[in-house]
Every structure is written in C-alpha cells, then in structure tokens.
C-alpha cells in the first residue's frame, strides 16, 4: 500500500476509524476502501502474523470543519495553522 492513511483515494469511500491501544502509545488509522456511498458499514481487512481480522464501523471519524469541509484526520489542519500564525 503506497498511500498514507491521510490520503484520500479517488473513487473510494475514505471514511476513517482512529484506533489506539489501552496504553496510548500506539495508534492506527483505518480507511474504508469501498465505493463512495456504499450501503452498510465501513469495512477493512487487516492481515497480521496470526491471520486476518475484519473490522466494521458505522461512523466516519474524520473531522468536518464548517469552513474547510471534511478533513483527513481528527482536526482541521488549515484552522490550526491559521491559529498558530495569528499567535506569531
């Protein structure tokens, strides 16, 4: 897989699920690869050392900014950049 999880892929759903472990030191972003507007849950399969896991989720966790629309992560990068610039 060449793209990063923050990269949307044209023609795919791109809904995100952000997961972390119970210690808070590891995290993973999952991206739904199905077609936009697909019926049912978002789904991704992950293959690890012990086999394959199928993960289903219902809510896209990407942040939706009123000014900048859907963001690839959990917050709006342009808004954060603007706030940082105004403090400088």
PDB file of N, CA and C in Angstrom:
ATOM      1  N   UNK A   1       0.836  -1.162   0.000  1.00  0.00           N
ATOM      2  CA  UNK A   1       0.000   0.000   0.000  1.00  0.00           C
ATOM      3  C   UNK A   1       0.885   1.230   0.000  1.00  0.00           C
ATOM      4  N   UNK A   2       0.870   2.017  -1.081  1.00  0.00           N
ATOM      5  CA  UNK A   2       1.746   3.154  -1.197  1.00  0.00           C
ATOM      6  C   UNK A   2       1.233   4.422  -0.548  1.00  0.00           C
ATOM      7  N   UNK A   3      -0.103   4.578  -0.447  1.00  0.00           N
ATOM      8  CA  UNK A   3      -0.625   5.818   0.092  1.00  0.00           C
ATOM      9  C   UNK A   3      -0.599   5.810   1.616  1.00  0.00           C
ATOM     10  N   UNK A   4      -0.623   6.998   2.186  1.00  0.00           N
ATOM     11  CA  UNK A   4      -0.736   7.082   3.637  1.00  0.00           C
ATOM     12  C   UNK A   4      -2.216   7.101   3.993  1.00  0.00           C
ATOM     13  N   UNK A   5      -2.520   6.861   5.238  1.00  0.00           N
ATOM     14  CA  UNK A   5      -3.918   6.855   5.647  1.00  0.00           C
ATOM     15  C   UNK A   5      -4.527   8.250   5.625  1.00  0.00           C
ATOM     16  N   UNK A   6      -3.708   9.289   5.542  1.00  0.00           N
ATOM     17  CA  UNK A   6      -4.261  10.636   5.455  1.00  0.00           C
ATOM     18  C   UNK A   6      -4.565  11.015   4.013  1.00  0.00           C
ATOM     19  N   UNK A   7      -4.267  10.145   3.085  1.00  0.00           N
ATOM     20  CA  UNK A   7      -4.505  10.404   1.673  1.00  0.00           C
ATOM     21  C   UNK A   7      -5.840   9.805   1.252  1.00  0.00           C
ATOM     22  N   UNK A   8      -6.721  10.639   0.693  1.00  0.00           N
ATOM     23  CA  UNK A   8      -7.959  10.117   0.139  1.00  0.00           C
ATOM     24  C   UNK A   8      -7.658   9.494  -1.218  1.00  0.00           C
ATOM     25  N   UNK A   9      -8.358   8.412  -1.516  1.00  0.00           N
ATOM     26  CA  UNK A   9      -8.208   7.744  -2.803  1.00  0.00           C
ATOM     27  C   UNK A   9      -9.473   8.017  -3.606  1.00  0.00           C
ATOM     28  N   UNK A  10      -9.304   8.605  -4.780  1.00  0.00           N
ATOM     29  CA  UNK A  10     -10.457   8.937  -5.611  1.00  0.00           C
ATOM     30  C   UNK A  10     -11.232   7.672  -5.958  1.00  0.00           C
ATOM     31  N   UNK A  11     -12.556   7.760  -5.854  1.00  0.00           N
ATOM     32  CA  UNK A  11     -13.414   6.626  -6.176  1.00  0.00           C
ATOM     33  C   UNK A  11     -13.597   5.655  -5.031  1.00  0.00           C
ATOM     34  N   UNK A  12     -13.075   6.000  -3.854  1.00  0.00           N
ATOM     35  CA  UNK A  12     -13.253   5.155  -2.664  1.00  0.00           C
ATOM     36  C   UNK A  12     -13.929   5.955  -1.563  1.00  0.00           C
ATOM     37  N   UNK A  13     -14.540   5.277  -0.629  1.00  0.00           N
ATOM     38  CA  UNK A  13     -15.286   5.884   0.467  1.00  0.00           C
ATOM     39  C   UNK A  13     -14.398   6.801   1.327  1.00  0.00           C
ATOM     40  N   UNK A  14     -13.234   6.317   1.730  1.00  0.00           N
ATOM     41  CA  UNK A  14     -12.258   7.068   2.521  1.00  0.00           C
ATOM     42  C   UNK A  14     -12.684   7.380   3.948  1.00  0.00           C
ATOM     43  N   UNK A  15     -13.796   6.823   4.443  1.00  0.00           N
ATOM     44  CA  UNK A  15     -14.176   7.038   5.853  1.00  0.00           C
ATOM     45  C   UNK A  15     -13.049   6.525   6.741  1.00  0.00           C
ATOM     46  N   UNK A  16     -12.800   7.213   7.846  1.00  0.00           N
ATOM     47  CA  UNK A  16     -11.695   6.841   8.731  1.00  0.00           C
ATOM     48  C   UNK A  16     -12.198   6.327  10.081  1.00  0.00           C
ATOM     49  N   UNK A  17     -11.401   5.438  10.652  1.00  0.00           N
ATOM     50  CA  UNK A  17     -11.569   4.981  12.030  1.00  0.00           C
ATOM     51  C   UNK A  17     -10.203   5.122  12.678  1.00  0.00           C
ATOM     52  N   UNK A  18     -10.135   5.877  13.780  1.00  0.00           N
ATOM     53  CA  UNK A  18      -8.885   6.075  14.502  1.00  0.00           C
ATOM     54  C   UNK A  18      -8.915   5.173  15.729  1.00  0.00           C
ATOM     55  N   UNK A  19      -7.954   4.255  15.839  1.00  0.00           N
ATOM     56  CA  UNK A  19      -7.918   3.343  16.985  1.00  0.00           C
ATOM     57  C   UNK A  19      -6.562   3.453  17.681  1.00  0.00           C
ATOM     58  N   UNK A  20      -6.550   3.154  18.966  1.00  0.00           N
ATOM     59  CA  UNK A  20      -5.297   3.149  19.722  1.00  0.00           C
ATOM     60  C   UNK A  20      -5.349   2.032  20.750  1.00  0.00           C
ATOM     61  N   UNK A  21      -4.202   1.719  21.313  1.00  0.00           N
ATOM     62  CA  UNK A  21      -4.178   0.669  22.328  1.00  0.00           C
ATOM     63  C   UNK A  21      -4.518   1.259  23.700  1.00  0.00           C
ATOM     64  N   UNK A  22      -4.691   0.395  24.677  1.00  0.00           N
ATOM     65  CA  UNK A  22      -5.097   0.846  26.009  1.00  0.00           C
ATOM     66  C   UNK A  22      -3.987   1.560  26.775  1.00  0.00           C
ATOM     67  N   UNK A  23      -2.765   1.552  26.260  1.00  0.00           N
ATOM     68  CA  UNK A  23      -1.668   2.279  26.895  1.00  0.00           C
ATOM     69  C   UNK A  23      -1.473   3.653  26.266  1.00  0.00           C
ATOM     70  N   UNK A  24      -2.075   3.867  25.107  1.00  0.00           N
ATOM     71  CA  UNK A  24      -1.993   5.151  24.441  1.00  0.00           C
ATOM     72  C   UNK A  24      -0.688   5.428  23.716  1.00  0.00           C
ATOM     73  N   UNK A  25       0.129   4.390  23.516  1.00  0.00           N
ATOM     74  CA  UNK A  25       1.415   4.621  22.856  1.00  0.00           C
ATOM     75  C   UNK A  25       1.463   4.110  21.418  1.00  0.00           C
ATOM     76  N   UNK A  26       0.411   3.521  20.954  1.00  0.00           N
ATOM     77  CA  UNK A  26       0.341   3.041  19.578  1.00  0.00           C
ATOM     78  C   UNK A  26      -1.027   3.384  19.011  1.00  0.00           C
ATOM     79  N   UNK A  27      -1.072   3.711  17.741  1.00  0.00           N
ATOM     80  CA  UNK A  27      -2.346   4.015  17.112  1.00  0.00           C
ATOM     81  C   UNK A  27      -2.326   3.551  15.664  1.00  0.00           C
ATOM     82  N   UNK A  28      -3.507   3.514  15.089  1.00  0.00           N
ATOM     83  CA  UNK A  28      -3.657   3.089  13.702  1.00  0.00           C
ATOM     84  C   UNK A  28      -4.844   3.825  13.115  1.00  0.00           C
ATOM     85  N   UNK A  29      -4.735   4.242  11.890  1.00  0.00           N
ATOM     86  CA  UNK A  29      -5.845   4.843  11.174  1.00  0.00           C
ATOM     87  C   UNK A  29      -6.285   3.867  10.100  1.00  0.00           C
ATOM     88  N   UNK A  30      -7.572   3.553  10.088  1.00  0.00           N
ATOM     89  CA  UNK A  30      -8.129   2.660   9.077  1.00  0.00           C
ATOM     90  C   UNK A  30      -8.941   3.495   8.101  1.00  0.00           C
ATOM     91  N   UNK A  31      -8.897   3.151   6.827  1.00  0.00           N
ATOM     92  CA  UNK A  31      -9.623   3.864   5.782  1.00  0.00           C
ATOM     93  C   UNK A  31     -10.468   2.872   4.999  1.00  0.00           C
ATOM     94  N   UNK A  32     -11.738   3.190   4.829  1.00  0.00           N
ATOM     95  CA  UNK A  32     -12.649   2.307   4.091  1.00  0.00           C
ATOM     96  C   UNK A  32     -12.356   2.390   2.592  1.00  0.00           C
ATOM     97  N   UNK A  33     -12.050   1.245   1.965  1.00  0.00           N
ATOM     98  CA  UNK A  33     -11.697   1.238   0.549  1.00  0.00           C
ATOM     99  C   UNK A  33     -12.877   1.016  -0.404  1.00  0.00           C
ATOM    100  N   UNK A  34     -14.091   0.924   0.139  1.00  0.00           N
ATOM    101  CA  UNK A  34     -15.242   0.635  -0.731  1.00  0.00           C
ATOM    102  C   UNK A  34     -15.656   1.870  -1.523  1.00  0.00           C
ATOM    103  N   UNK A  35     -16.609   1.700  -2.429  1.00  0.00           N
ATOM    104  CA  UNK A  35     -17.047   2.804  -3.276  1.00  0.00           C
ATOM    105  C   UNK A  35     -17.780   3.858  -2.438  1.00  0.00           C
ATOM    106  N   UNK A  36     -17.734   5.129  -2.857  1.00  0.00           N
ATOM    107  CA  UNK A  36     -18.433   6.186  -2.132  1.00  0.00           C
ATOM    108  C   UNK A  36     -19.933   5.894  -2.050  1.00  0.00           C
ATOM    109  N   UNK A  37     -20.525   6.163  -0.901  1.00  0.00           N
ATOM    110  CA  UNK A  37     -21.959   5.959  -0.724  1.00  0.00           C
ATOM    111  C   UNK A  37     -22.374   4.508  -0.636  1.00  0.00           C
ATOM    112  N   UNK A  38     -21.433   3.610  -0.370  1.00  0.00           N
ATOM    113  CA  UNK A  38     -21.767   2.181  -0.304  1.00  0.00           C
ATOM    114  C   UNK A  38     -22.786   1.921   0.807  1.00  0.00           C
ATOM    115  N   UNK A  39     -23.597   0.875   0.653  1.00  0.00           N
ATOM    116  CA  UNK A  39     -24.555   0.533   1.707  1.00  0.00           C
ATOM    117  C   UNK A  39     -23.845  -0.174   2.863  1.00  0.00           C
ATOM    118  N   UNK A  40     -24.421  -0.071   4.035  1.00  0.00           N
ATOM    119  CA  UNK A  40     -23.911  -0.815   5.193  1.00  0.00           C
ATOM    120  C   UNK A  40     -22.706  -0.170   5.856  1.00  0.00           C
ATOM    121  N   UNK A  41     -22.061  -0.952   6.706  1.00  0.00           N
ATOM    122  CA  UNK A  41     -20.921  -0.487   7.495  1.00  0.00           C
ATOM    123  C   UNK A  41     -19.685  -0.278   6.637  1.00  0.00           C
ATOM    124  N   UNK A  42     -18.762   0.520   7.186  1.00  0.00           N
ATOM    125  CA  UNK A  42     -17.431   0.633   6.596  1.00  0.00           C
ATOM    126  C   UNK A  42     -16.676  -0.624   7.008  1.00  0.00           C
ATOM    127  N   UNK A  43     -15.840  -1.161   6.123  1.00  0.00           N
ATOM    128  CA  UNK A  43     -15.159  -2.432   6.377  1.00  0.00           C
ATOM    129  C   UNK A  43     -13.719  -2.344   5.897  1.00  0.00           C
ATOM    130  N   UNK A  44     -12.811  -2.914   6.677  1.00  0.00           N
ATOM    131  CA  UNK A  44     -11.432  -3.064   6.234  1.00  0.00           C
ATOM    132  C   UNK A  44     -10.906  -4.381   6.785  1.00  0.00           C
ATOM    133  N   UNK A  45     -10.070  -5.050   6.011  1.00  0.00           N
ATOM    134  CA  UNK A  45      -9.432  -6.297   6.460  1.00  0.00           C
ATOM    135  C   UNK A  45      -7.958  -6.020   6.691  1.00  0.00           C
ATOM    136  N   UNK A  46      -7.464  -6.491   7.826  1.00  0.00           N
ATOM    137  CA  UNK A  46      -6.057  -6.319   8.186  1.00  0.00           C
ATOM    138  C   UNK A  46      -5.446  -7.698   8.350  1.00  0.00           C
ATOM    139  N   UNK A  47      -4.304  -7.912   7.719  1.00  0.00           N
ATOM    140  CA  UNK A  47      -3.605  -9.180   7.852  1.00  0.00           C
ATOM    141  C   UNK A  47      -2.402  -8.980   8.751  1.00  0.00           C
ATOM    142  N   UNK A  48      -2.296  -9.833   9.766  1.00  0.00           N
ATOM    143  CA  UNK A  48      -1.177  -9.776  10.695  1.00  0.00           C
ATOM    144  C   UNK A  48      -0.491 -11.125  10.780  1.00  0.00           C
ATOM    145  N   UNK A  49       0.331 -11.268  11.799  1.00  0.00           N
ATOM    146  CA  UNK A  49       1.080 -12.519  11.979  1.00  0.00           C
ATOM    147  C   UNK A  49       0.169 -13.715  12.235  1.00  0.00           C
ATOM    148  N   UNK A  50      -0.973 -13.484  12.877  1.00  0.00           N
ATOM    149  CA  UNK A  50      -1.859 -14.581  13.264  1.00  0.00           C
ATOM    150  C   UNK A  50      -3.072 -14.730  12.363  1.00  0.00           C
ATOM    151  N   UNK A  51      -3.071 -14.094  11.210  1.00  0.00           N
ATOM    152  CA  UNK A  51      -4.196 -14.228  10.298  1.00  0.00           C
ATOM    153  C   UNK A  51      -4.804 -12.883   9.936  1.00  0.00           C
ATOM    154  N   UNK A  52      -6.061 -12.937   9.483  1.00  0.00           N
ATOM    155  CA  UNK A  52      -6.745 -11.740   9.010  1.00  0.00           C
ATOM    156  C   UNK A  52      -7.864 -11.362   9.961  1.00  0.00           C
ATOM    157  N   UNK A  53      -7.995 -10.050  10.219  1.00  0.00           N
ATOM    158  CA  UNK A  53      -9.090  -9.525  11.030  1.00  0.00           C
ATOM    159  C   UNK A  53      -9.941  -8.625  10.146  1.00  0.00           C
ATOM    160  N   UNK A  54     -11.247  -8.740  10.282  1.00  0.00           N
ATOM    161  CA  UNK A  54     -12.174  -7.866   9.566  1.00  0.00           C
ATOM    162  C   UNK A  54     -12.750  -6.888  10.576  1.00  0.00           C
ATOM    163  N   UNK A  55     -12.611  -5.600  10.296  1.00  0.00           N
ATOM    164  CA  UNK A  55     -13.092  -4.565  11.203  1.00  0.00           C
ATOM    165  C   UNK A  55     -14.218  -3.807  10.516  1.00  0.00           C
ATOM    166  N   UNK A  56     -15.340  -3.687  11.226  1.00  0.00           N
ATOM    167  CA  UNK A  56     -16.518  -2.978  10.728  1.00  0.00           C
ATOM    168  C   UNK A  56     -16.767  -1.772  11.618  1.00  0.00           C
ATOM    169  N   UNK A  57     -17.149  -0.623  11.024  1.00  0.00           N
ATOM    170  CA  UNK A  57     -17.544   0.524  11.829  1.00  0.00           C
ATOM    171  C   UNK A  57     -18.604   1.320  11.091  1.00  0.00           C
ATOM    172  N   UNK A  58     -19.376   2.105  11.837  1.00  0.00           N
ATOM    173  CA  UNK A  58     -20.507   2.807  11.238  1.00  0.00           C
ATOM    174  C   UNK A  58     -20.262   4.297  11.035  1.00  0.00           C
ATOM    175  N   UNK A  59     -19.458   4.931  11.889  1.00  0.00           N
ATOM    176  CA  UNK A  59     -19.303   6.383  11.859  1.00  0.00           C
ATOM    177  C   UNK A  59     -17.944   6.793  11.314  1.00  0.00           C
ATOM    178  N   UNK A  60     -17.945   7.665  10.333  1.00  0.00           N
ATOM    179  CA  UNK A  60     -16.713   8.232   9.796  1.00  0.00           C
ATOM    180  C   UNK A  60     -16.174   9.204  10.841  1.00  0.00           C
ATOM    181  N   UNK A  61     -14.959   8.972  11.328  1.00  0.00           N
ATOM    182  CA  UNK A  61     -14.402   9.791  12.401  1.00  0.00           C
ATOM    183  C   UNK A  61     -13.592  10.990  11.911  1.00  0.00           C
ATOM    184  N   UNK A  62     -13.568  11.207  10.596  1.00  0.00           N
ATOM    185  CA  UNK A  62     -12.880  12.399  10.113  1.00  0.00           C
ATOM    186  C   UNK A  62     -13.597  13.639  10.626  1.00  0.00           C
ATOM    187  N   UNK A  63     -12.835  14.675  10.893  1.00  0.00           N
ATOM    188  CA  UNK A  63     -13.391  15.931  11.385  1.00  0.00           C
ATOM    189  C   UNK A  63     -14.009  16.689  10.210  1.00  0.00           C
ATOM    190  N   UNK A  64     -15.184  17.267  10.426  1.00  0.00           N
ATOM    191  CA  UNK A  64     -15.830  18.086   9.408  1.00  0.00           C
ATOM    192  C   UNK A  64     -15.793  19.533   9.890  1.00  0.00           C
ATOM    193  N   UNK A  65     -15.016  20.323   9.211  1.00  0.00           N
ATOM    194  CA  UNK A  65     -14.864  21.743   9.539  1.00  0.00           C
ATOM    195  C   UNK A  65     -15.929  22.536   8.790  1.00  0.00           C
ATOM    196  N   UNK A  66     -16.569  23.485   9.479  1.00  0.00           N
ATOM    197  CA  UNK A  66     -17.595  24.300   8.830  1.00  0.00           C
ATOM    198  C   UNK A  66     -17.007  25.146   7.700  1.00  0.00           C
ATOM    199  N   UNK A  67     -15.744  25.517   7.809  1.00  0.00           N
ATOM    200  CA  UNK A  67     -15.103  26.360   6.798  1.00  0.00           C
ATOM    201  C   UNK A  67     -14.387  25.563   5.721  1.00  0.00           C
ATOM    202  N   UNK A  68     -13.783  24.419   6.097  1.00  0.00           N
ATOM    203  CA  UNK A  68     -12.908  23.699   5.165  1.00  0.00           C
ATOM    204  C   UNK A  68     -13.409  22.309   4.763  1.00  0.00           C
ATOM    205  N   UNK A  69     -14.566  21.898   5.259  1.00  0.00           N
ATOM    206  CA  UNK A  69     -15.125  20.600   4.883  1.00  0.00           C
ATOM    207  C   UNK A  69     -14.465  19.418   5.584  1.00  0.00           C
ATOM    208  N   UNK A  70     -14.578  18.253   4.985  1.00  0.00           N
ATOM    209  CA  UNK A  70     -14.045  17.017   5.579  1.00  0.00           C
ATOM    210  C   UNK A  70     -12.524  17.071   5.596  1.00  0.00           C
ATOM    211  N   UNK A  71     -11.949  16.764   6.742  1.00  0.00           N
ATOM    212  CA  UNK A  71     -10.505  16.739   6.923  1.00  0.00           C
ATOM    213  C   UNK A  71     -10.029  15.294   7.006  1.00  0.00           C
ATOM    214  N   UNK A  72      -8.793  14.995   6.628  1.00  0.00           N
ATOM    215  CA  UNK A  72      -8.315  13.611   6.649  1.00  0.00           C
ATOM    216  C   UNK A  72      -8.064  13.070   8.052  1.00  0.00           C
ATOM    217  N   UNK A  73      -8.037  13.942   9.046  1.00  0.00           N
ATOM    218  CA  UNK A  73      -7.729  13.491  10.405  1.00  0.00           C
ATOM    219  C   UNK A  73      -8.763  13.923  11.415  1.00  0.00           C
ATOM    220  N   UNK A  74      -8.319  14.008  12.668  1.00  0.00           N
ATOM    221  CA  UNK A  74      -9.206  14.284  13.787  1.00  0.00           C
ATOM    222  C   UNK A  74      -9.385  15.772  14.072  1.00  0.00           C
ATOM    223  N   UNK A  75      -8.773  16.639  13.291  1.00  0.00           N
ATOM    224  CA  UNK A  75      -8.920  18.083  13.454  1.00  0.00           C
ATOM    225  C   UNK A  75      -8.665  18.750  12.099  1.00  0.00           C
ATOM    226  N   UNK A  76      -8.944  20.058  12.024  1.00  0.00           N
ATOM    227  CA  UNK A  76      -8.780  20.800  10.775  1.00  0.00           C
ATOM    228  C   UNK A  76      -7.392  21.431  10.736  1.00  0.00           C
ATOM    229  N   UNK A  77      -6.540  20.934   9.867  1.00  0.00           N
ATOM    230  CA  UNK A  77      -5.168  21.440   9.749  1.00  0.00           C
ATOM    231  C   UNK A  77      -5.145  22.916   9.345  1.00  0.00           C
ATOM    232  N   UNK A  78      -5.928  23.355   8.333  1.00  0.00           N
ATOM    233  CA  UNK A  78      -5.896  24.777   7.978  1.00  0.00           C
ATOM    234  C   UNK A  78      -6.285  25.692   9.147  1.00  0.00           C
ATOM    235  N   UNK A  79      -7.282  25.319   9.938  1.00  0.00           N
ATOM    236  CA  UNK A  79      -7.692  26.142  11.082  1.00  0.00           C
ATOM    237  C   UNK A  79      -6.583  26.206  12.133  1.00  0.00           C
ATOM    238  N   UNK A  80      -5.941  25.086  12.407  1.00  0.00           N
ATOM    239  CA  UNK A  80      -4.839  25.060  13.376  1.00  0.00           C
ATOM    240  C   UNK A  80      -3.685  25.924  12.878  1.00  0.00           C
ATOM    241  N   UNK A  81      -3.368  25.800  11.601  1.00  0.00           N
ATOM    242  CA  UNK A  81      -2.296  26.621  11.019  1.00  0.00           C
ATOM    243  C   UNK A  81      -2.629  28.111  11.123  1.00  0.00           C
ATOM    244  N   UNK A  82      -3.901  28.474  10.862  1.00  0.00           N
ATOM    245  CA  UNK A  82      -4.305  29.868  10.968  1.00  0.00           C
ATOM    246  C   UNK A  82      -4.171  30.382  12.401  1.00  0.00           C
ATOM    247  N   UNK A  83      -4.579  29.554  13.386  1.00  0.00           N
ATOM    248  CA  UNK A  83      -4.459  29.955  14.802  1.00  0.00           C
ATOM    249  C   UNK A  83      -3.004  30.141  15.194  1.00  0.00           C
ATOM    250  N   UNK A  84      -2.150  29.224  14.744  1.00  0.00           N
ATOM    251  CA  UNK A  84      -0.721  29.338  15.059  1.00  0.00           C
ATOM    252  C   UNK A  84      -0.116  30.607  14.442  1.00  0.00           C
ATOM    253  N   UNK A  85      -0.485  30.896  13.207  1.00  0.00           N
ATOM    254  CA  UNK A  85       0.030  32.073  12.526  1.00  0.00           C
ATOM    255  C   UNK A  85      -0.431  33.361  13.200  1.00  0.00           C
ATOM    256  N   UNK A  86      -1.670  33.364  13.710  1.00  0.00           N
ATOM    257  CA  UNK A  86      -2.184  34.573  14.365  1.00  0.00           C
ATOM    258  C   UNK A  86      -1.530  34.821  15.710  1.00  0.00           C
ATOM    259  N   UNK A  87      -0.950  33.791  16.312  1.00  0.00           N
ATOM    260  CA  UNK A  87      -0.268  33.931  17.608  1.00  0.00           C
ATOM    261  C   UNK A  87       1.181  34.362  17.451  1.00  0.00           C
ATOM    262  N   UNK A  88       1.695  34.242  16.233  1.00  0.00           N
ATOM    263  CA  UNK A  88       3.114  34.580  15.986  1.00  0.00           C
ATOM    264  C   UNK A  88       3.336  36.062  15.903  1.00  0.00           C
TER     265      UNK A  88
END
